[in-house]
Protein backbone atom coordinates (compact mmCIF):
# COMPACT_ATOMS: atom_id res chain seq x y z
CA UNK A 1 90.66 129.57 108.59
CA UNK A 2 87.31 129.97 107.86
CA UNK A 3 86.91 133.38 107.22
CA UNK A 4 87.85 133.69 103.21
CA UNK A 5 84.71 134.74 100.72
CA UNK A 6 82.78 131.46 99.34
CA UNK A 7 84.52 128.91 97.05
CA UNK A 8 82.95 128.23 94.03
CA UNK A 9 83.81 124.99 92.17
CA UNK A 10 81.62 123.42 88.82
CA UNK A 11 79.37 121.49 89.00
CA UNK A 12 80.32 118.23 88.21
CA UNK A 13 84.01 119.01 88.87
CA UNK A 14 86.22 116.95 92.12
CA UNK A 15 87.86 118.31 94.78
CA UNK A 16 90.87 117.57 96.36
CA UNK A 17 91.08 117.98 100.09
CA UNK A 18 94.57 117.56 101.38
CA UNK A 19 96.41 118.49 104.80
CA UNK A 20 100.02 118.66 104.49
CA UNK A 21 102.86 119.66 106.66
CA UNK A 22 106.14 120.30 104.88
CA UNK A 23 105.25 118.11 101.22
CA UNK A 24 107.22 120.48 99.37
CA UNK A 25 109.61 117.38 97.84
CA UNK A 26 106.21 115.96 97.15
CA UNK A 27 103.02 118.42 95.84
CA UNK A 28 105.00 119.12 92.79
CA UNK A 29 104.76 115.16 91.33
CA UNK A 30 101.47 114.80 93.90
CA UNK A 31 100.08 118.01 92.04
CA UNK A 32 101.09 117.14 88.82
CA UNK A 33 99.15 113.27 89.25
CA UNK A 34 95.70 114.49 89.93
CA UNK A 35 95.20 117.95 87.18
CA UNK A 36 95.89 114.41 85.26
CA UNK A 37 92.71 113.06 86.26
CA UNK A 38 91.64 116.19 85.90
CA UNK A 39 91.06 118.15 89.60
CA UNK A 40 91.24 122.05 89.28
CA UNK A 41 90.52 122.44 92.56
CA UNK A 42 92.72 122.19 95.45
CA UNK A 43 91.91 122.72 98.89
CA UNK A 44 95.07 122.41 101.11
CA UNK A 45 94.73 122.60 105.18
CA UNK A 46 99.20 123.63 105.86
CA UNK A 47 99.39 122.60 109.78
CA UNK A 48 102.10 125.78 109.75
CA UNK A 49 105.00 124.03 107.36
CA UNK A 50 108.44 125.33 107.10
CA UNK A 51 109.88 123.90 104.43
CA UNK A 52 108.31 125.97 101.64
CA UNK A 53 105.52 124.32 101.46
CA UNK A 54 103.28 126.69 101.89
CA UNK A 55 105.23 129.29 99.51
CA UNK A 56 104.44 126.23 96.68
CA UNK A 57 101.49 126.31 96.83
CA UNK A 58 100.54 130.06 96.69
CA UNK A 59 102.20 130.70 93.62
CA UNK A 60 99.28 127.81 92.09
CA UNK A 61 96.07 129.20 90.79
CA UNK A 62 93.93 126.38 91.01
CA UNK A 63 95.31 125.42 94.77
CA UNK A 64 93.00 127.63 98.07
CA UNK A 65 96.04 127.48 101.15
CA UNK A 66 94.25 127.64 104.50
CA UNK A 67 96.86 128.00 107.05
CA UNK A 68 96.92 127.16 110.83
CA UNK A 69 99.48 126.41 113.75
CA UNK A 70 96.92 124.02 115.48
CA UNK A 71 97.54 120.55 116.35
CA UNK A 72 97.17 118.12 113.94
CA UNK A 73 95.55 115.16 115.42
CA UNK A 74 93.30 117.16 117.59
CA UNK A 75 91.95 118.80 114.43
CA UNK A 76 92.66 116.78 111.04
CA UNK A 77 88.76 115.27 111.29
CA UNK A 78 86.87 119.13 111.75
CA UNK A 79 89.62 120.40 109.32
CA UNK A 80 87.48 117.90 106.55
CA UNK A 81 84.88 118.04 107.62
CA UNK A 82 84.47 121.85 107.79
CA UNK A 83 85.70 122.67 104.75
CA UNK A 84 83.78 120.77 103.48
CA UNK A 85 79.75 121.20 105.18
CA UNK A 86 80.53 125.13 104.06
CA UNK A 87 82.06 124.61 100.85
CA UNK A 88 81.11 121.12 99.46
CA UNK A 89 77.98 119.83 100.33
CA UNK A 90 76.91 117.39 97.55
CA UNK A 91 80.28 117.43 95.59
CA UNK A 92 82.05 115.09 94.63
CA UNK A 93 85.64 115.18 97.06
CA UNK A 94 88.75 113.14 96.86
CA UNK A 95 90.84 113.07 100.08
CA UNK A 96 94.21 112.39 99.31
CA UNK A 97 97.57 112.47 101.67
CA UNK A 98 100.40 114.16 99.71
CA UNK A 99 102.09 110.84 99.30
CA UNK A 100 99.27 108.73 98.10
CA UNK A 101 98.44 108.54 94.12
CA UNK A 102 94.75 107.68 93.25
CA UNK A 103 94.28 105.20 90.98
CA UNK A 104 91.20 103.34 89.47
CA UNK A 105 89.88 100.74 86.35
CA UNK A 106 90.29 102.23 83.53
CA UNK A 107 93.10 104.84 84.83
CA UNK A 108 94.59 106.57 83.31
CA UNK A 109 92.17 107.23 79.99
CA UNK A 110 89.49 107.93 82.59
CA UNK A 111 89.27 111.01 83.54
CA UNK A 112 88.38 111.34 87.50
CA UNK A 113 85.08 113.24 86.35
CA UNK A 114 83.95 109.83 84.68
CA UNK A 115 84.42 107.98 87.39
CA UNK A 116 82.06 109.98 89.55
CA UNK A 117 79.18 109.91 86.32
CA UNK A 118 79.24 105.97 86.96
CA UNK A 119 79.28 106.32 90.31
CA UNK A 120 76.32 109.09 90.13
CA UNK A 121 74.29 106.96 87.13
CA UNK A 122 73.96 103.85 89.82
CA UNK A 123 73.48 105.64 92.68
CA UNK A 124 76.62 105.23 95.07
CA UNK A 125 78.04 107.93 96.96
CA UNK A 126 81.65 106.53 98.02
CA UNK A 127 84.46 104.65 96.43
CA UNK A 128 86.79 102.30 98.83
CA UNK A 129 90.57 101.93 97.61
CA UNK A 130 93.20 100.05 99.06
CA UNK A 131 96.15 101.40 100.49
CA UNK A 132 99.34 99.95 98.61
CA UNK A 133 102.69 100.61 99.65
CA UNK A 134 104.80 101.54 96.77
CA UNK A 135 109.26 101.66 97.49
CA UNK A 136 112.11 101.04 94.92
CA UNK A 137 114.08 98.20 94.00
CA UNK A 138 117.15 98.73 96.36
CA UNK A 139 118.05 100.42 99.20
CA UNK A 140 116.03 103.13 100.37
CA UNK A 141 119.12 105.75 100.64
CA UNK A 142 119.90 105.17 97.87
CA UNK A 143 117.33 106.89 96.28
CA UNK A 144 118.30 110.60 94.96
CA UNK A 145 114.24 112.00 94.78
CA UNK A 146 114.20 115.26 93.28
CA UNK A 147 110.47 117.38 93.43
CA UNK A 148 108.91 117.15 90.50
CA UNK A 149 109.99 113.59 89.52
CA UNK A 150 107.85 110.77 89.17
CA UNK A 151 106.66 108.54 92.13
CA UNK A 152 106.06 105.79 89.78
CA UNK A 153 109.48 105.58 88.51
CA UNK A 154 111.38 106.15 91.47
CA UNK A 155 108.90 103.60 93.39
CA UNK A 156 107.69 101.17 90.83
CA UNK A 157 107.19 97.58 93.04
CA UNK A 158 104.75 96.43 95.64
CA UNK A 159 103.70 93.16 97.66
CA UNK A 160 101.32 91.69 95.40
CA UNK A 161 100.00 89.27 98.13
CA UNK A 162 100.35 89.26 102.39
CA UNK A 163 96.86 90.67 102.24
CA UNK A 164 93.31 90.20 103.68
CA UNK A 165 89.97 91.79 104.10
CA UNK A 166 88.64 91.60 107.62
CA UNK A 167 85.92 94.25 109.84
CA UNK A 168 88.12 95.87 112.62
CA UNK A 169 88.99 95.32 115.65
CA UNK A 170 86.94 96.05 119.62
CA UNK A 171 84.97 99.03 119.31
CA UNK A 172 85.67 100.50 115.60
CA UNK A 173 83.84 97.80 114.02
CA UNK A 174 80.62 98.56 115.91
CA UNK A 175 81.18 102.21 115.89
CA UNK A 176 81.40 103.23 112.28
CA UNK A 177 79.25 102.37 109.62
CA UNK A 178 81.43 102.30 106.21
CA UNK A 179 83.66 100.46 105.05
CA UNK A 180 82.19 96.55 106.73
CA UNK A 181 85.84 95.64 106.38
CA UNK A 182 89.29 96.86 105.63
CA UNK A 183 92.45 95.91 104.09
CA UNK A 184 95.19 94.99 106.27
CA UNK A 185 98.82 93.37 105.22
CA UNK A 186 101.17 93.88 102.64
CA UNK A 187 104.77 95.82 102.62
CA UNK A 188 104.38 98.36 106.00
CA UNK A 189 103.16 94.63 108.44
CA UNK A 190 105.78 92.60 106.58
CA UNK A 191 108.72 95.15 107.38
CA UNK A 192 107.59 96.30 110.60
CA UNK A 193 104.52 94.96 112.46
CA UNK A 194 105.35 91.52 113.76
CA UNK A 195 103.64 90.70 116.85
CA UNK A 196 100.58 89.22 117.47
CA UNK A 197 98.85 87.58 121.20
CA UNK A 198 99.45 83.99 120.24
CA UNK A 199 100.89 81.88 117.31
CA UNK A 200 99.11 81.37 114.20
CA UNK A 201 96.74 78.18 113.90
CA UNK A 202 95.23 76.01 111.25
CA UNK A 203 91.63 77.81 111.72
CA UNK A 204 93.56 81.26 110.89
CA UNK A 205 95.06 80.11 107.57
CA UNK A 206 91.48 78.49 106.72
CA UNK A 207 89.21 81.37 107.10
CA UNK A 208 92.09 83.63 106.04
CA UNK A 209 92.16 81.80 102.77
CA UNK A 210 88.01 81.74 102.43
CA UNK A 211 86.28 84.29 104.26
CA UNK A 212 88.79 86.75 104.49
CA UNK A 213 90.44 86.72 101.80
CA UNK A 214 91.35 89.83 99.51
CA UNK A 215 88.83 89.07 96.91
CA UNK A 216 86.19 88.22 99.49
CA UNK A 217 83.05 90.09 100.03
CA UNK A 218 81.84 92.48 103.33
CA UNK A 219 78.49 91.27 104.89
CA UNK A 220 75.85 94.20 104.22
CA UNK A 221 73.13 93.02 106.62
CA UNK A 222 73.26 93.65 109.95
CA UNK A 223 72.94 90.12 111.01
CA UNK A 224 75.46 89.13 108.17
CA UNK A 225 77.60 92.07 110.01
CA UNK A 226 77.47 90.71 113.79
CA UNK A 227 78.20 87.39 112.28
CA UNK A 228 81.19 88.51 110.27
CA UNK A 229 82.61 89.84 113.57
CA UNK A 230 82.02 86.81 115.52
CA UNK A 231 84.16 84.54 112.90
CA UNK A 232 87.04 87.58 113.12
CA UNK A 233 87.57 86.80 117.08
CA UNK A 234 88.48 83.63 116.22
CA UNK A 235 91.37 84.21 114.71
CA UNK A 236 91.92 88.41 115.81
CA UNK A 237 94.57 87.20 118.64
CA UNK A 238 96.68 85.21 116.07
CA UNK A 239 97.29 88.63 113.90
CA UNK A 240 99.68 92.09 114.62
CA UNK A 241 98.10 93.26 117.61
CA UNK A 242 98.51 96.66 116.21
CA UNK A 243 98.37 96.44 112.62
CA UNK A 244 97.78 100.03 110.84
CA UNK A 245 94.80 99.80 108.13
CA UNK A 246 96.01 99.84 104.06
CA UNK A 247 92.21 101.03 102.92
CA UNK A 248 90.53 104.08 103.00
CA UNK A 249 87.24 106.02 101.75
CA UNK A 250 89.28 108.87 99.59
CA UNK A 251 86.61 109.26 97.40
CA UNK A 252 83.14 110.70 98.79
CA UNK A 253 80.18 112.86 97.15
CA UNK A 254 79.79 114.80 100.41
CA UNK A 255 76.60 115.60 102.11
CA UNK A 256 76.76 118.08 105.25
CA UNK A 257 77.29 115.92 108.58
CA UNK A 258 78.98 113.01 107.26
CA UNK A 259 82.18 112.40 110.42
CA UNK A 260 85.69 110.14 109.86
CA UNK A 261 86.95 108.31 112.33
CA UNK A 262 90.01 110.71 112.20
CA UNK A 263 91.38 109.71 109.08
CA UNK A 264 89.35 109.32 106.24
CA UNK A 265 88.95 104.78 106.88
CA UNK A 266 86.00 105.08 108.11
CA UNK A 267 82.68 106.53 108.52
CA UNK A 268 81.02 106.86 111.28
CA UNK A 269 77.09 107.07 108.85
CA UNK A 270 76.28 103.94 106.29
CA UNK A 271 76.43 105.14 102.66
CA UNK A 272 76.25 103.87 99.36
CA UNK A 273 79.78 102.15 98.75
CA UNK A 274 80.91 101.16 94.97
CA UNK A 275 81.38 97.44 94.52
CA UNK A 276 84.09 98.40 92.69
CA UNK A 277 87.53 99.70 94.20
CA UNK A 278 90.17 102.21 93.99
CA UNK A 279 94.24 102.34 94.48
CA UNK A 280 96.09 105.06 96.90
CA UNK A 281 99.30 104.14 95.96
CA UNK A 282 101.49 104.89 98.63
CA UNK A 283 105.01 106.60 98.41
CA UNK A 284 106.19 107.69 102.14
CA UNK A 285 109.41 105.26 101.00
CA UNK A 286 111.54 107.84 99.44
CA UNK A 287 114.53 108.88 101.05
CA UNK A 288 113.53 111.07 103.16
CA UNK A 289 111.69 108.05 104.76
CA UNK A 290 114.07 108.65 108.27
CA UNK A 291 113.94 112.34 108.42
CA UNK A 292 109.72 111.79 107.89
CA UNK A 293 109.89 109.56 111.20
CA UNK A 294 111.97 111.00 113.29
CA UNK A 295 110.30 114.50 112.42
CA UNK A 296 106.51 112.48 112.96
CA UNK A 297 108.53 111.07 116.31
CA UNK A 298 108.73 114.50 117.47
CA UNK A 299 105.73 116.25 116.76
CA UNK A 300 103.83 113.35 118.38
CA UNK A 301 101.19 114.15 115.93
CA UNK A 302 99.83 111.02 114.45
CA UNK A 303 97.61 107.95 115.33
CA UNK A 304 97.81 105.97 118.71
CA UNK A 305 100.26 107.46 120.11
CA UNK A 306 102.79 107.50 117.02
CA UNK A 307 102.76 104.09 117.59
CA UNK A 308 103.87 103.20 113.94
CA UNK A 309 106.25 105.21 113.37
CA UNK A 310 108.12 103.83 117.14
CA UNK A 311 107.64 100.92 114.97
CA UNK A 312 109.14 102.24 111.54
CA UNK A 313 112.30 103.10 113.93
CA UNK A 314 113.05 100.19 115.32
CA UNK A 315 113.22 98.43 111.46
CA UNK A 316 114.35 102.17 109.66
CA UNK A 317 118.63 100.79 109.66
CA UNK A 318 117.49 97.35 108.05
CA UNK A 319 114.37 98.92 105.09
CA UNK A 320 117.09 102.17 104.69
CA UNK A 321 120.28 99.96 104.21
CA UNK A 322 118.71 96.86 102.15
CA UNK A 323 115.37 98.44 100.40
CA UNK A 324 111.65 96.78 100.93
CA UNK A 325 111.94 94.07 97.97
CA UNK A 326 110.70 90.60 98.71
CA UNK A 327 109.80 87.72 97.07
CA UNK A 328 106.30 89.54 96.56
CA UNK A 329 106.68 91.72 95.28
CA UNK A 330 105.88 92.94 91.95
CA UNK A 331 105.87 95.99 89.46
CA UNK A 332 102.82 98.51 88.84
CA UNK A 333 102.65 98.55 85.25
CA UNK A 334 98.89 99.94 85.30
CA UNK A 335 95.49 98.58 87.23
CA UNK A 336 95.13 95.15 85.68
CA UNK A 337 98.21 94.42 88.04
CA UNK A 338 96.43 95.48 90.78
CA UNK A 339 92.85 93.98 89.22
CA UNK A 340 94.99 90.24 89.19
CA UNK A 341 96.26 90.86 93.08
CA UNK A 342 92.77 91.90 93.88
CA UNK A 343 93.51 95.21 95.22
CA UNK A 344 91.33 96.71 92.97
CA UNK A 345 87.99 95.57 91.45
CA UNK A 346 85.82 96.68 88.35
CA UNK A 347 82.72 95.27 88.35
CA UNK A 348 80.60 93.81 85.05
CA UNK A 349 78.78 97.21 85.23
CA UNK A 350 81.89 99.56 85.62
CA UNK A 351 82.97 97.51 82.46
CA UNK A 352 79.70 98.27 80.25
CA UNK A 353 79.58 101.63 81.71
CA UNK A 354 82.81 102.85 80.31
CA UNK A 355 82.39 99.91 76.93
CA UNK A 356 79.17 101.92 75.92
CA UNK A 357 80.57 105.38 76.76
CA UNK A 358 83.68 104.65 74.79
CA UNK A 359 82.18 103.06 71.72
CA UNK A 360 79.82 106.37 71.70
């Protein structure tokens, strides 16, 4: 897999490292979006796709394709880490899935190399991002999405509320040092994940609306993090038992030896994270959703024994036939709407930096 000649990237550029299986439907618009951000180098690990993904990618001059049949579940972290250690040490790297569009404060005017220049200016080594599930206004089965169509025009809605900003449960909260907290909730939890060990009570409501609200800041000191986890223990049994993470650390200035938890949700080492947040707009709910769920269950290569896909399957008919809209649904019109919901953050130093850059 890594027998190719040395791979060179331009100084100051950002490389996208992507893992993919059967994504011919999404890749054309995915590539268009990231090229529009200023990405000119893609390294794609193709996990033996059989839908034409390999031919589509090999026709693209800015994509290096590494094809492998090894099990995704066992090797996904190693693939990312080996690629970055070999080719991208000291470089900025973004790790999107093919159904994710990265956006950030000042997008689309500010290009991604300008964003990383800002991060470098203040010594930040990574950027936290929420995951925002996007969906259409109507039944998913009625979509007629074609490769190359805009994801945003097809699925422009998201949940504007119903999130929390909390530590990880159990060992994960102790083993991984970046980030200190994650975001949970949103459309995926509303639609698919409802189990908890007990009924919510008043203390849950108080802490979720104050300490653990989306706009709350994560404690940075070890002592603050200890008390953060202790407070969280008071409410965790009232929350869904197997709840999907709705945040990642997708943009990183790579340094050799960094290790992921599996996906790019957590990094074992503590690295300096920007206080600004981006967002990964997540387009799982196209009209191939039912096919993708069946495919994932048959492959058995996803986390928690494909538990989330089993939850999807049990609610599949409702989502496909009725859709995902609710009273919390908001139409995406740009970064400002995410900033207003707390799903994106822009600090005053970020505003000053780009205001000055614009003025100059």
